[in-house]
Protein backbone atom coordinates (compact mmCIF):
# COMPACT_ATOMS: atom_id res chain seq x y z
CA MET A 1 -148.70 -3.83 142.31
CA GLU A 2 -150.80 -4.95 139.52
CA GLU A 3 -150.48 -8.43 138.20
CA TYR A 4 -151.06 -9.92 135.07
CA THR A 5 -152.36 -13.75 134.13
CA ILE A 6 -151.19 -14.80 130.98
CA LYS A 7 -150.89 -18.19 129.19
CA ILE A 8 -147.45 -19.54 128.43
CA ASN A 9 -148.22 -23.01 125.97
CA GLY A 10 -151.20 -23.11 127.57
CA ILE A 11 -150.41 -22.66 131.50
CA GLU A 12 -151.50 -19.51 133.27
CA VAL A 13 -149.10 -17.54 135.03
CA THR A 14 -149.83 -14.55 136.86
CA ALA A 15 -146.83 -11.86 137.39
CA PRO A 16 -146.65 -8.63 138.43
CA LYS A 17 -146.66 -5.54 135.91
CA GLY A 18 -143.05 -5.36 134.33
CA THR A 19 -142.33 -9.08 134.38
CA THR A 20 -140.80 -10.15 130.86
CA ILE A 21 -141.65 -13.28 129.31
CA LEU A 22 -138.79 -14.41 129.77
CA GLN A 23 -138.66 -14.33 133.99
CA ALA A 24 -143.00 -15.21 133.43
CA ALA A 25 -142.06 -18.50 131.75
CA ARG A 26 -139.18 -19.47 134.69
CA MET A 27 -142.25 -19.19 136.90
CA ALA A 28 -143.98 -21.19 134.89
CA GLY A 29 -141.32 -24.10 134.77
CA ILE A 30 -140.31 -23.36 131.45
CA GLN A 31 -136.67 -22.44 130.00
CA ILE A 32 -136.29 -19.88 127.26
CA PRO A 33 -132.57 -20.45 125.60
CA THR A 34 -130.40 -16.93 125.66
CA LEU A 35 -127.28 -16.26 124.78
CA CYS A 36 -126.84 -12.51 125.22
CA TYR A 37 -129.28 -11.65 128.43
CA LEU A 38 -127.83 -11.04 131.81
CA LYS A 39 -130.35 -9.85 134.07
CA ASP A 40 -130.09 -6.19 135.33
CA MET A 41 -127.10 -5.78 132.98
CA ASN A 42 -127.44 -6.59 129.55
CA GLU A 43 -130.90 -6.65 128.61
CA ILE A 44 -130.59 -5.74 125.14
CA GLY A 45 -132.61 -8.66 122.57
CA ALA A 46 -129.17 -9.22 120.56
CA CYS A 47 -128.83 -12.35 120.25
CA ARG A 48 -132.38 -13.44 119.23
CA ILE A 49 -132.41 -17.12 120.28
CA CYS A 50 -134.83 -16.19 123.16
CA VAL A 51 -137.93 -15.54 120.55
CA VAL A 52 -141.05 -16.82 121.26
CA GLU A 53 -144.44 -16.26 119.68
CA VAL A 54 -147.00 -14.43 120.91
CA LYS A 55 -150.56 -14.43 119.52
CA GLY A 56 -151.60 -11.36 117.67
CA ALA A 57 -147.91 -9.92 117.44
CA ARG A 58 -146.50 -9.42 114.26
CA GLY A 59 -143.16 -11.56 113.55
CA LEU A 60 -141.57 -13.28 116.60
CA CYS A 61 -140.80 -11.51 119.76
CA ALA A 62 -137.79 -11.31 122.07
CA ALA A 63 -138.69 -13.19 125.47
CA CYS A 64 -135.57 -11.37 127.39
CA VAL A 65 -137.00 -7.67 126.74
CA TYR A 66 -140.82 -8.33 126.04
CA PRO A 67 -142.81 -6.92 128.52
CA ILE A 68 -146.19 -9.26 129.41
CA ALA A 69 -149.83 -8.03 129.43
CA PRO A 70 -153.29 -8.92 130.16
CA ASN A 71 -154.68 -11.97 128.51
CA MET A 72 -151.24 -12.71 126.48
CA GLU A 73 -150.73 -15.97 125.09
CA VAL A 74 -147.10 -17.11 124.27
CA PHE A 75 -145.48 -20.03 123.01
CA THR A 76 -142.10 -20.97 123.33
CA HIS A 77 -141.15 -24.16 121.39
CA THR A 78 -143.44 -24.08 118.40
CA PRO A 79 -141.98 -25.57 114.85
CA LYS A 80 -141.65 -21.63 114.04
CA VAL A 81 -139.74 -20.65 116.79
CA VAL A 82 -137.04 -24.09 117.00
CA GLU A 83 -136.62 -23.53 113.21
CA TYR A 84 -135.37 -19.83 113.88
CA ARG A 85 -133.13 -20.67 116.42
CA LYS A 86 -131.59 -23.40 114.67
CA LYS A 87 -130.99 -20.79 111.97
CA THR A 88 -129.66 -18.30 114.07
CA LEU A 89 -126.96 -20.69 115.60
CA GLU A 90 -126.01 -21.60 112.49
CA LEU A 91 -125.48 -18.30 111.25
CA ILE A 92 -123.87 -17.91 114.21
CA LEU A 93 -121.22 -20.70 113.64
CA SER A 94 -120.87 -18.89 109.95
CA ASP A 95 -118.33 -16.71 111.70
CA HIS A 96 -117.21 -18.89 114.56
CA ASN A 97 -113.97 -20.53 115.36
CA CYS A 98 -115.42 -24.00 115.73
CA SER A 99 -112.24 -25.77 117.24
CA CYS A 100 -114.24 -26.93 119.87
CA LEU A 101 -111.91 -29.96 120.82
CA SER A 102 -108.99 -27.84 121.82
CA CYS A 103 -110.93 -24.98 123.45
CA VAL A 104 -110.65 -24.28 127.13
CA ARG A 105 -115.01 -24.37 127.39
CA SER A 106 -115.73 -27.37 125.48
CA GLY A 107 -118.36 -29.32 127.01
CA GLN A 108 -119.31 -25.96 129.11
CA CYS A 109 -119.53 -23.87 126.12
CA GLU A 110 -123.42 -22.16 126.01
CA LEU A 111 -123.37 -21.87 122.62
CA GLN A 112 -122.24 -25.62 122.13
CA THR A 113 -125.00 -26.48 124.79
CA LEU A 114 -127.45 -25.00 122.72
CA CYS A 115 -126.45 -26.34 119.12
CA ARG A 116 -126.16 -29.72 120.43
CA GLU A 117 -129.88 -29.34 122.18
CA TYR A 118 -131.26 -27.73 118.54
CA GLY A 119 -129.93 -30.31 116.66
CA VAL A 120 -127.19 -28.43 114.89
CA GLU A 121 -125.44 -30.67 112.44
CA SER A 122 -122.71 -29.10 111.20
CA GLU A 123 -120.74 -25.75 111.56
CA ASN A 124 -120.96 -24.83 107.60
CA ALA A 125 -124.58 -24.40 106.99
CA TYR A 126 -123.75 -21.02 106.10
CA ALA A 127 -119.65 -21.33 104.97
CA GLY A 128 -118.49 -18.02 103.68
CA GLU A 129 -116.42 -15.30 104.87
CA LYS A 130 -114.73 -15.28 108.47
CA ASN A 131 -113.46 -12.18 110.31
CA PRO A 132 -109.90 -12.42 110.45
CA SER A 133 -108.78 -11.58 114.38
CA GLU A 134 -105.62 -12.59 116.50
CA PRO A 135 -105.51 -13.29 119.89
CA ASP A 136 -104.91 -10.09 122.26
CA LEU A 137 -101.98 -11.91 124.40
CA SER A 138 -100.93 -8.45 125.68
CA ALA A 139 -102.44 -8.76 129.14
CA VAL A 140 -101.08 -10.71 131.97
CA HIS A 141 -104.10 -12.25 133.21
CA MET A 142 -106.23 -13.35 130.20
CA VAL A 143 -106.47 -13.88 126.50
CA ARG A 144 -108.94 -12.45 124.39
CA ASP A 145 -109.99 -14.65 121.21
CA ASN A 146 -112.49 -13.30 119.27
CA SER A 147 -112.14 -15.79 116.28
CA LYS A 148 -115.44 -17.33 119.17
CA CYS A 149 -116.62 -14.03 120.28
CA ILE A 150 -120.52 -14.13 118.95
CA LEU A 151 -121.22 -10.55 120.06
CA CYS A 152 -123.41 -10.97 122.73
CA ARG A 153 -121.99 -8.15 124.77
CA ARG A 154 -122.04 -9.41 128.33
CA CYS A 155 -118.24 -8.77 128.39
CA VAL A 156 -119.03 -4.98 127.54
CA ALA A 157 -121.83 -5.00 130.24
CA ALA A 158 -119.61 -6.40 132.77
CA CYS A 159 -116.51 -4.35 132.21
CA GLU A 160 -119.15 -0.69 131.79
CA LYS A 161 -122.07 -1.55 134.05
CA ALA A 162 -120.73 -3.62 136.86
CA GLN A 163 -117.47 -2.29 137.05
CA GLY A 164 -117.71 1.02 135.55
CA ILE A 165 -114.81 0.83 133.58
CA GLY A 166 -115.46 0.28 130.04
CA VAL A 167 -112.24 -0.76 128.44
CA ILE A 168 -114.11 -2.56 125.75
CA GLY A 169 -116.77 -2.58 123.39
CA ALA A 170 -117.92 -2.73 119.68
CA ASN A 171 -115.71 -1.65 117.26
CA GLU A 172 -116.42 -1.12 113.59
CA ARG A 173 -120.21 -2.01 112.05
CA GLY A 174 -122.11 -4.48 110.28
CA PHE A 175 -120.24 -7.94 109.66
CA LYS A 176 -116.89 -6.39 110.88
CA THR A 177 -117.96 -5.77 114.25
CA ASN A 178 -115.64 -7.11 116.84
CA ILE A 179 -115.30 -6.33 120.54
CA GLY A 180 -112.28 -4.60 121.46
CA SER A 181 -110.32 -1.94 123.57
CA ALA A 182 -110.51 1.66 121.83
CA PHE A 183 -107.87 2.16 118.91
CA ASN A 184 -107.55 -1.74 118.85
CA MET A 185 -105.22 -1.21 121.88
CA GLY A 186 -104.09 -4.39 123.36
CA LEU A 187 -105.53 -4.75 127.00
CA ALA A 188 -102.52 -4.58 128.80
CA GLU A 189 -102.07 -1.03 127.31
CA THR A 190 -105.68 -0.12 128.43
CA SER A 191 -106.39 0.85 132.04
CA CYS A 192 -108.10 -2.77 132.86
CA VAL A 193 -108.18 -3.77 136.18
CA SER A 194 -107.43 -7.44 135.38
CA CYS A 195 -110.53 -8.10 137.53
CA GLY A 196 -111.82 -10.86 134.90
CA GLN A 197 -115.54 -10.33 135.24
CA CYS A 198 -115.71 -10.16 131.88
CA ILE A 199 -114.49 -14.11 131.82
CA ALA A 200 -116.85 -14.68 134.33
CA VAL A 201 -119.64 -13.87 131.82
CA CYS A 202 -118.62 -15.00 128.61
CA PRO A 203 -120.59 -17.94 127.28
CA THR A 204 -118.08 -19.20 125.03
CA GLY A 205 -114.19 -19.32 124.72
CA ALA A 206 -113.73 -16.25 123.60
CA LEU A 207 -112.44 -14.91 126.97
CA TYR A 208 -109.92 -17.20 129.32
CA GLU A 209 -107.28 -16.80 132.03
CA LYS A 210 -103.47 -17.33 130.91
CA SER A 211 -102.88 -20.63 132.60
CA CYS A 212 -100.13 -21.45 134.55
CA ILE A 213 -100.75 -25.67 135.13
CA ASP A 214 -98.10 -26.30 132.91
CA GLN A 215 -95.31 -24.11 135.01
CA VAL A 216 -96.87 -25.78 138.26
CA THR A 217 -96.89 -29.21 136.85
CA GLU A 218 -92.97 -28.88 135.82
CA ALA A 219 -92.20 -27.55 139.40
CA ILE A 220 -93.96 -30.16 141.17
CA ASN A 221 -91.94 -32.92 139.22
CA ASP A 222 -88.83 -30.82 139.65
CA PRO A 223 -86.69 -32.62 142.60
CA THR A 224 -85.03 -29.37 143.34
CA LYS A 225 -88.02 -27.45 144.10
CA TYR A 226 -90.10 -27.69 147.11
CA VAL A 227 -93.48 -26.94 146.17
CA VAL A 228 -96.21 -25.28 148.48
CA VAL A 229 -99.72 -24.08 147.69
CA GLN A 230 -102.37 -22.10 149.20
CA THR A 231 -106.05 -21.67 148.71
CA ALA A 232 -108.11 -18.63 149.01
CA PRO A 233 -111.18 -18.87 151.44
CA ALA A 234 -113.72 -18.46 148.36
CA VAL A 235 -112.19 -21.00 146.21
CA ARG A 236 -113.64 -23.93 148.78
CA ALA A 237 -117.08 -22.23 148.30
CA ALA A 238 -117.04 -22.97 144.38
CA LEU A 239 -114.55 -25.65 143.37
CA ALA A 240 -116.90 -28.48 143.65
CA GLU A 241 -119.13 -26.98 141.21
CA ALA A 242 -116.87 -27.79 138.46
CA PHE A 243 -117.68 -31.28 139.14
CA GLY A 244 -121.05 -31.38 138.85
CA TYR A 245 -121.94 -30.40 142.61
CA PRO A 246 -124.79 -27.54 143.53
CA ILE A 247 -123.84 -24.07 143.79
CA GLY A 248 -123.21 -23.63 147.73
CA THR A 249 -121.44 -26.69 148.08
CA ASN A 250 -118.21 -26.85 150.69
CA ALA A 251 -114.86 -28.38 149.18
CA GLN A 252 -112.76 -27.86 152.08
CA GLY A 253 -112.01 -31.37 152.81
CA LYS A 254 -111.64 -32.70 149.22
CA MET A 255 -109.62 -29.95 147.93
CA ALA A 256 -106.99 -30.01 150.08
CA ALA A 257 -107.27 -34.37 149.33
CA ALA A 258 -107.21 -33.08 145.84
CA LEU A 259 -104.00 -30.82 146.18
CA ARG A 260 -101.80 -33.63 148.22
CA ARG A 261 -102.65 -35.82 145.18
CA LEU A 262 -101.19 -33.30 142.71
CA GLY A 263 -97.92 -33.33 144.49
CA PHE A 264 -97.45 -30.71 146.28
CA ASP A 265 -95.27 -30.76 148.97
CA LYS A 266 -97.20 -28.64 151.51
CA VAL A 267 -100.88 -27.43 151.23
CA PHE A 268 -101.59 -24.53 153.15
CA ASP A 269 -104.85 -22.38 153.94
CA THR A 270 -104.71 -18.68 153.17
CA ASN A 271 -106.99 -18.01 155.74
CA PHE A 272 -103.76 -18.08 157.95
CA GLY A 273 -102.94 -15.01 155.43
CA ALA A 274 -106.12 -13.53 156.17
CA ASP A 275 -105.15 -13.72 159.93
CA LEU A 276 -102.42 -11.94 159.34
CA THR A 277 -103.99 -9.21 157.12
CA ILE A 278 -106.42 -8.79 159.97
CA MET A 279 -103.64 -8.06 162.43
CA GLU A 280 -101.51 -6.02 160.33
CA GLU A 281 -104.88 -3.84 158.95
CA ALA A 282 -106.60 -3.74 162.58
CA ASN A 283 -103.51 -2.26 164.29
CA GLU A 284 -102.88 0.48 161.16
CA PHE A 285 -106.68 1.36 161.43
CA ILE A 286 -106.08 1.82 165.43
CA GLU A 287 -102.78 3.90 164.96
CA ARG A 288 -104.49 6.23 162.46
CA VAL A 289 -107.51 6.87 164.19
CA GLN A 290 -105.50 7.65 167.34
CA ASN A 291 -102.72 9.42 165.71
CA GLY A 292 -104.49 11.48 163.36
CA GLY A 293 -103.58 9.17 160.16
CA LYS A 294 -104.91 9.25 156.97
CA LEU A 295 -108.53 8.40 156.83
CA PRO A 296 -111.03 7.38 156.22
CA MET A 297 -108.53 3.73 155.75
CA ILE A 298 -109.24 2.16 152.87
CA THR A 299 -108.84 -2.12 152.61
CA SER A 300 -106.19 -3.44 150.15
CA CYS A 301 -106.81 -7.20 149.64
CA SER A 302 -108.79 -6.94 146.04
CA PRO A 303 -105.79 -6.42 143.57
CA GLY A 304 -108.22 -5.34 141.08
CA TRP A 305 -109.53 -2.54 143.08
CA ILE A 306 -105.84 -1.66 144.32
CA LYS A 307 -105.35 -1.14 140.37
CA PHE A 308 -108.80 0.83 139.81
CA CYS A 309 -107.41 3.16 142.42
CA GLU A 310 -104.47 3.85 141.15
CA HIS A 311 -106.10 4.46 137.48
CA TYR A 312 -109.19 6.11 138.01
CA TYR A 313 -108.44 7.71 141.92
CA PRO A 314 -104.65 8.30 142.61
CA GLU A 315 -105.64 10.97 145.08
CA PHE A 316 -106.80 8.30 147.85
CA LEU A 317 -103.67 6.16 147.48
CA ASP A 318 -102.65 7.53 150.71
CA ASN A 319 -105.93 6.15 152.20
CA LEU A 320 -105.37 2.62 150.92
CA SER A 321 -104.17 0.10 153.98
CA THR A 322 -100.28 -0.70 153.24
CA CYS A 323 -100.79 -3.95 154.05
CA LYS A 324 -99.86 -6.59 151.00
CA SER A 325 -103.01 -9.40 150.51
CA PRO A 326 -103.45 -12.57 152.77
CA GLN A 327 -101.92 -14.21 149.44
CA GLN A 328 -98.77 -12.19 149.33
CA MET A 329 -98.72 -12.18 153.22
CA GLN A 330 -98.84 -16.03 153.35
CA GLY A 331 -96.10 -15.73 150.44
CA ALA A 332 -93.84 -13.76 152.49
CA ILE A 333 -94.01 -15.47 155.56
CA THR A 334 -93.46 -18.88 153.73
CA LYS A 335 -90.57 -17.60 151.85
CA SER A 336 -89.03 -16.41 155.25
CA TYR A 337 -90.41 -17.60 158.66
CA PHE A 338 -91.56 -21.33 157.21
CA ALA A 339 -88.03 -21.90 155.23
CA GLU A 340 -86.06 -20.74 158.25
CA LYS A 341 -88.11 -22.91 160.47
CA ASN A 342 -87.76 -25.96 158.45
CA GLY A 343 -83.96 -25.06 156.91
CA ILE A 344 -85.07 -24.90 153.46
CA ASP A 345 -83.47 -22.32 151.30
CA PRO A 346 -85.95 -20.19 149.97
CA LYS A 347 -84.70 -19.74 146.59
CA ASN A 348 -85.69 -23.65 146.12
CA ILE A 349 -89.24 -22.65 147.16
CA VAL A 350 -91.81 -22.52 144.70
CA SER A 351 -94.92 -20.74 146.00
CA VAL A 352 -98.09 -21.34 144.31
CA SER A 353 -101.81 -20.00 144.92
CA VAL A 354 -105.43 -21.00 144.34
CA MET A 355 -107.53 -18.14 143.98
CA PRO A 356 -111.08 -17.35 142.93
CA CYS A 357 -109.38 -14.19 141.41
CA THR A 358 -108.00 -13.35 137.60
CA ALA A 359 -105.89 -10.05 139.55
CA LYS A 360 -103.65 -11.92 141.52
CA LYS A 361 -102.20 -13.25 138.33
CA PHE A 362 -101.10 -9.35 138.21
CA GLU A 363 -100.70 -8.87 141.47
CA ILE A 364 -97.75 -11.44 141.89
CA GLY A 365 -95.72 -9.32 139.57
CA ARG A 366 -96.24 -6.08 141.05
CA GLU A 367 -93.67 -4.17 142.21
CA HIS A 368 -92.58 -4.38 146.05
CA GLN A 369 -94.29 -7.62 146.72
CA GLY A 370 -90.91 -10.00 147.37
CA ARG A 371 -87.39 -9.43 149.06
CA ASP A 372 -83.74 -10.37 148.66
CA GLY A 373 -84.84 -10.46 144.71
CA MET A 374 -87.50 -13.30 145.04
CA PRO A 375 -91.06 -12.41 144.57
CA ASP A 376 -93.77 -13.26 147.41
CA MET A 377 -95.79 -15.67 144.87
CA ASP A 378 -94.32 -17.40 141.98
CA TYR A 379 -97.61 -18.44 140.28
CA SER A 380 -101.28 -17.87 140.87
CA MET A 381 -104.32 -20.32 139.89
CA THR A 382 -107.65 -19.77 139.52
CA THR A 383 -110.16 -22.30 140.81
CA ARG A 384 -111.08 -23.26 137.21
CA GLU A 385 -107.57 -23.79 136.34
CA LEU A 386 -107.18 -26.20 139.83
CA ALA A 387 -110.22 -27.91 138.46
CA ARG A 388 -108.88 -28.54 135.23
CA MET A 389 -105.61 -29.80 136.70
CA ILE A 390 -107.19 -32.27 138.94
CA LYS A 391 -109.31 -33.62 135.78
CA ARG A 392 -105.75 -33.97 133.92
CA ALA A 393 -104.16 -35.90 136.65
CA GLY A 394 -107.36 -38.52 136.64
CA ILE A 395 -108.23 -37.89 140.08
CA ARG A 396 -111.64 -38.93 141.11
CA TYR A 397 -112.93 -35.54 142.97
CA GLU A 398 -115.92 -37.79 144.27
CA ASP A 399 -114.20 -40.09 145.57
CA LEU A 400 -111.53 -37.78 147.59
CA PRO A 401 -111.37 -38.06 151.59
CA GLU A 402 -111.79 -34.90 153.68
CA GLU A 403 -108.82 -33.90 154.56
CA GLU A 404 -106.57 -30.93 156.31
CA PHE A 405 -104.24 -28.71 155.66
CA ASP A 406 -100.71 -28.96 156.51
CA ASN A 407 -99.00 -27.47 159.58
CA PRO A 408 -97.83 -24.52 160.46
CA MET A 409 -100.46 -22.65 158.11
CA ASP A 410 -103.34 -24.73 158.32
CA SER A 411 -105.34 -22.92 160.87
CA GLY A 412 -107.51 -20.00 160.09
CA THR A 413 -110.51 -18.46 162.53
CA GLY A 414 -113.77 -18.14 161.32
CA ALA A 415 -113.05 -14.06 160.91
CA ALA A 416 -110.37 -15.35 157.93
CA VAL A 417 -112.68 -17.26 155.89
CA ILE A 418 -115.53 -14.28 155.93
CA PHE A 419 -112.93 -12.74 153.84
CA GLY A 420 -114.23 -14.61 150.66
CA ALA A 421 -117.60 -12.51 151.06
CA THR A 422 -118.12 -9.13 150.37
CA GLY A 423 -118.17 -7.45 154.03
CA GLY A 424 -116.15 -10.19 154.99
CA VAL A 425 -112.53 -8.07 155.78
CA MET A 426 -114.55 -5.60 157.45
CA GLU A 427 -116.08 -8.12 159.91
CA ALA A 428 -113.22 -9.90 160.54
CA ALA A 429 -111.03 -6.36 161.07
CA LEU A 430 -114.11 -5.03 163.42
CA ARG A 431 -113.62 -8.42 165.50
CA THR A 432 -109.92 -7.68 166.19
CA ALA A 433 -110.20 -3.64 166.47
CA VAL A 434 -113.01 -3.62 169.03
CA GLU A 435 -111.43 -5.79 171.06
CA THR A 436 -108.41 -4.47 171.31
CA LEU A 437 -109.75 -1.14 171.79
CA THR A 438 -111.67 -1.88 174.44
CA GLY A 439 -109.98 -4.40 176.16
CA GLU A 440 -113.18 -6.60 176.27
CA SER A 441 -114.15 -9.57 174.80
CA LEU A 442 -117.26 -9.45 172.25
CA PRO A 443 -120.28 -11.74 173.41
CA ARG A 444 -120.66 -12.32 170.09
CA PRO A 445 -118.43 -11.97 167.10
CA GLU A 446 -120.71 -10.86 164.25
CA PHE A 447 -121.20 -7.59 162.68
CA LYS A 448 -123.97 -8.79 160.24
CA GLU A 449 -124.61 -4.96 159.35
CA VAL A 450 -121.89 -5.21 156.73
CA ARG A 451 -123.04 -8.91 155.72
CA GLY A 452 -125.39 -9.62 152.57
CA THR A 453 -124.70 -9.02 148.61
CA ASP A 454 -126.01 -4.96 148.60
CA GLY A 455 -123.37 -3.21 146.12
CA ILE A 456 -123.04 -0.81 149.45
CA LYS A 457 -123.37 -1.27 152.88
CA GLU A 458 -123.28 1.37 155.58
CA ALA A 459 -123.08 1.10 159.19
CA THR A 460 -121.92 3.00 162.48
CA TYR A 461 -120.22 1.80 165.91
CA GLU A 462 -119.65 3.41 169.05
CA VAL A 463 -116.24 2.17 170.04
CA ALA A 464 -114.56 2.76 173.50
CA GLY A 465 -115.82 6.41 173.09
CA LEU A 466 -115.41 6.56 169.40
CA THR A 467 -117.87 6.65 166.81
CA VAL A 468 -116.77 4.76 163.85
CA ASN A 469 -118.41 5.12 160.45
CA ILE A 470 -117.91 2.25 157.80
CA ALA A 471 -118.65 1.34 154.24
CA VAL A 472 -118.53 -1.83 152.21
CA ALA A 473 -118.60 -1.60 148.36
CA SER A 474 -118.34 -4.68 146.11
CA GLY A 475 -118.12 -3.94 142.37
CA LEU A 476 -116.19 -1.40 141.09
CA ALA A 477 -119.26 0.65 139.87
CA ASN A 478 -120.27 1.06 143.70
CA ALA A 479 -116.82 1.51 144.76
CA ARG A 480 -116.89 4.69 142.22
CA LYS A 481 -120.17 5.92 144.34
CA VAL A 482 -118.71 5.65 147.64
CA LEU A 483 -115.56 7.49 146.42
CA ASP A 484 -117.34 10.60 144.62
CA MET A 485 -119.56 10.77 147.64
CA VAL A 486 -116.41 11.00 150.12
CA LYS A 487 -114.78 13.59 147.93
CA ARG A 488 -117.72 15.72 147.46
CA GLY A 489 -117.70 15.30 151.21
CA GLU A 490 -121.37 13.94 151.34
CA LYS A 491 -119.70 10.98 153.47
CA ASN A 492 -117.37 10.61 156.71
CA TYR A 493 -116.31 7.42 156.75
CA HIS A 494 -113.54 6.33 158.79
CA PHE A 495 -113.30 2.73 157.63
CA ILE A 496 -113.76 1.19 153.73
CA GLU A 497 -113.54 -2.28 152.57
CA ILE A 498 -113.90 -2.21 148.89
CA MET A 499 -114.14 -5.86 146.57
CA ALA A 500 -113.42 -5.49 142.75
CA CYS A 501 -116.21 -7.98 142.22
CA PRO A 502 -119.99 -8.01 142.54
CA GLY A 503 -120.65 -9.65 145.47
CA GLY A 504 -116.75 -10.30 146.81
CA CYS A 505 -114.17 -12.96 146.14
CA VAL A 506 -117.00 -15.74 146.20
CA ASN A 507 -117.84 -14.38 142.58
CA GLY A 508 -114.26 -13.73 141.51
CA GLY A 509 -113.55 -13.50 137.72
CA GLY A 510 -111.65 -16.86 138.29
CA GLN A 511 -114.41 -18.82 139.79
CA PRO A 512 -116.39 -21.78 137.89
CA GLN A 513 -118.29 -19.91 135.16
CA VAL A 514 -122.01 -20.47 135.73
CA PRO A 515 -124.69 -20.60 132.69
CA ALA A 516 -126.90 -17.75 132.15
CA SER A 517 -129.49 -19.99 132.42
CA VAL A 518 -128.41 -20.40 135.88
CA ARG A 519 -126.81 -17.02 136.82
CA ASN A 520 -130.17 -15.10 135.71
CA PHE A 521 -131.95 -16.78 138.33
CA THR A 522 -130.04 -17.95 141.40
CA ASP A 523 -127.71 -15.68 143.54
CA ILE A 524 -124.74 -17.73 143.01
CA ARG A 525 -122.94 -14.84 145.41
CA ALA A 526 -125.28 -15.60 148.41
CA GLU A 527 -125.16 -19.56 147.82
CA ARG A 528 -121.07 -19.77 147.72
CA ALA A 529 -121.47 -17.05 150.80
CA LYS A 530 -123.44 -19.35 152.82
CA VAL A 531 -120.57 -21.98 152.87
CA LEU A 532 -118.31 -19.21 154.40
CA TYR A 533 -120.41 -17.82 157.00
CA SER A 534 -121.06 -21.53 158.00
CA LEU A 535 -117.27 -22.28 158.06
CA ASP A 536 -117.47 -18.86 160.56
CA GLU A 537 -120.27 -19.98 162.30
CA ALA A 538 -118.88 -23.91 163.14
CA ASN A 539 -114.85 -22.54 163.83
CA THR A 540 -113.86 -22.80 167.66
CA ILE A 541 -111.57 -19.73 166.77
CA ARG A 542 -113.41 -16.79 165.52
CA LYS A 543 -111.29 -13.84 165.75
CA SER A 544 -107.71 -13.59 163.97
CA HIS A 545 -105.99 -11.86 167.47
CA GLU A 546 -106.84 -15.66 168.79
CA ASN A 547 -105.20 -17.65 166.46
CA PRO A 548 -102.89 -19.48 168.13
CA ALA A 549 -100.36 -20.12 164.73
CA ILE A 550 -100.45 -16.34 164.48
CA ILE A 551 -99.88 -15.68 168.03
CA GLU A 552 -97.02 -17.79 167.96
CA LEU A 553 -95.57 -16.07 164.92
CA TYR A 554 -95.37 -12.98 166.47
CA LYS A 555 -93.76 -14.53 169.49
CA THR A 556 -90.82 -15.90 168.08
CA TYR A 557 -90.73 -13.99 164.69
CA LEU A 558 -92.36 -10.95 163.83
CA GLY A 559 -92.34 -9.04 167.05
CA LYS A 560 -95.88 -7.21 167.07
CA PRO A 561 -98.12 -6.18 164.47
CA GLY A 562 -96.78 -2.87 163.08
CA SER A 563 -93.04 -3.86 163.63
CA HIS A 564 -89.83 -3.20 161.72
CA LEU A 565 -89.71 -6.54 160.56
CA ALA A 566 -93.64 -6.72 159.84
CA HIS A 567 -93.46 -3.93 157.66
CA GLU A 568 -90.46 -5.34 155.47
CA LEU A 569 -92.24 -8.10 154.92
CA LEU A 570 -96.03 -7.87 155.07
CA HIS A 571 -96.36 -4.15 153.57
CA THR A 572 -96.47 -2.43 150.41
CA SER A 573 -96.97 0.64 148.70
CA TYR A 574 -98.95 1.75 145.57
CA THR A 575 -98.09 3.99 141.88
CA PRO A 576 -100.57 6.23 140.58
CA ARG A 577 -101.00 4.70 136.78
CA LYS A 578 -102.73 6.59 133.61
CA GLY A 579 -106.44 6.03 133.36
CA TYR A 580 -108.64 6.60 130.04
CA LYS A 581 -112.05 7.01 131.50
């Protein structure tokens, strides 16, 4: 590959042809600020914060889209550049709601950080008219507040390019430009799938989840309520970031300790629900294969994916596994098996989850997600909400001891914990399905062909005389590609895993937000996934069907996978929805 050598602030840098100034500067250890830029997704040079001086060029150049050339000389922080960036920030603030103290992103806002770095002392440097706006509160999972939008279009790119949905975009023109849905519909009126990827990439407080912290706190303080909490596998791979720890820090022990100190009566691990999901899902897959059921069977753990399928691919609803997600299965068992075993009236149980996902807030209100008039789950919090709750309670996270989850839902296998990474559900299901079909123990339980952060992965396995073709997709734009290939008859899969969020739950819309300056140059999905695979490797039990607590549950309560009671508690149905694209 042809390479060019250039100078950036007098430092020689050699990089491949096609490299942008922004990327080359990073190679030289020089950080150029950005607001709109997202690598491979939103490379539009719109915000003009990344401008630099290039010797011989007319005017300042946007580093994020300007390719390097032989013998180029670049200057990134000259007085002219710094003054230009400062004025650009002041102009952004001229149409910005600067109520920073009450903003959910205060202290973690990329705009606020840049204003501090560039010495912006007043938000009124260009005082004048502001665009009127009212927050969109229609969606169950999030709030859109355009008074804090800076028109960077990151959310638009995430929705359109990463997810292939495009329910938001730029409306109006010029000064009146705003980001919203077609015909100014509320998000709840569109085919938004509640994935929260727009929130994950927003640099300010324009997008945020609807918080249930106050409701959960009220329940904890109510002596008539028995409040239990469960935490998803991916939460432990990201929570520590909210307290200043590096990406890829395992938070499992401190997380359990924090939840206990917040006052929850029981602290459970959703890994138990993940193992239970595998038992039901693997059984369902085997039954479909052996009895001529609808194939390919498609996983049902990701509520964003389920809603996407209902909107855009209703012809595949019969292909979806009828299994509830681990969150919902665990909620159902908590209000049945656990309640009976401990003599607790399930009507007094408040079941809370901590999830990496904003779509879980939508999922808990879906039809057929409860029994006897009670929902399986009462509240679902994001990883970010838990971090805020811990800080609000004055708990010093760094000083917490490492603690364990509570019985009987404290035990999860290695198969369960990898649910949080793309390919993890498929690998966990294969571990159980293969041993069930062959009657033999796997010498090594890894199915590494389905690992990694690629958007689409494929593999073929020979199992008990059967050829099993599988596919794994993460990010709904990739789900489109897989489903379209199946529709056209180009692929003959038997089993498909789909996760709504690119990279899986570790990159969920409810995880701690990572600044673009880090996100653009670090594979946060891979770093967080390493936590889960290391926990799998260290677990003495790595297959769901070998979990003693799961074995006991079936022996004393459910009977067997796919039993009548299991179907009543652990399975669900789906509904076609109107699509807009």
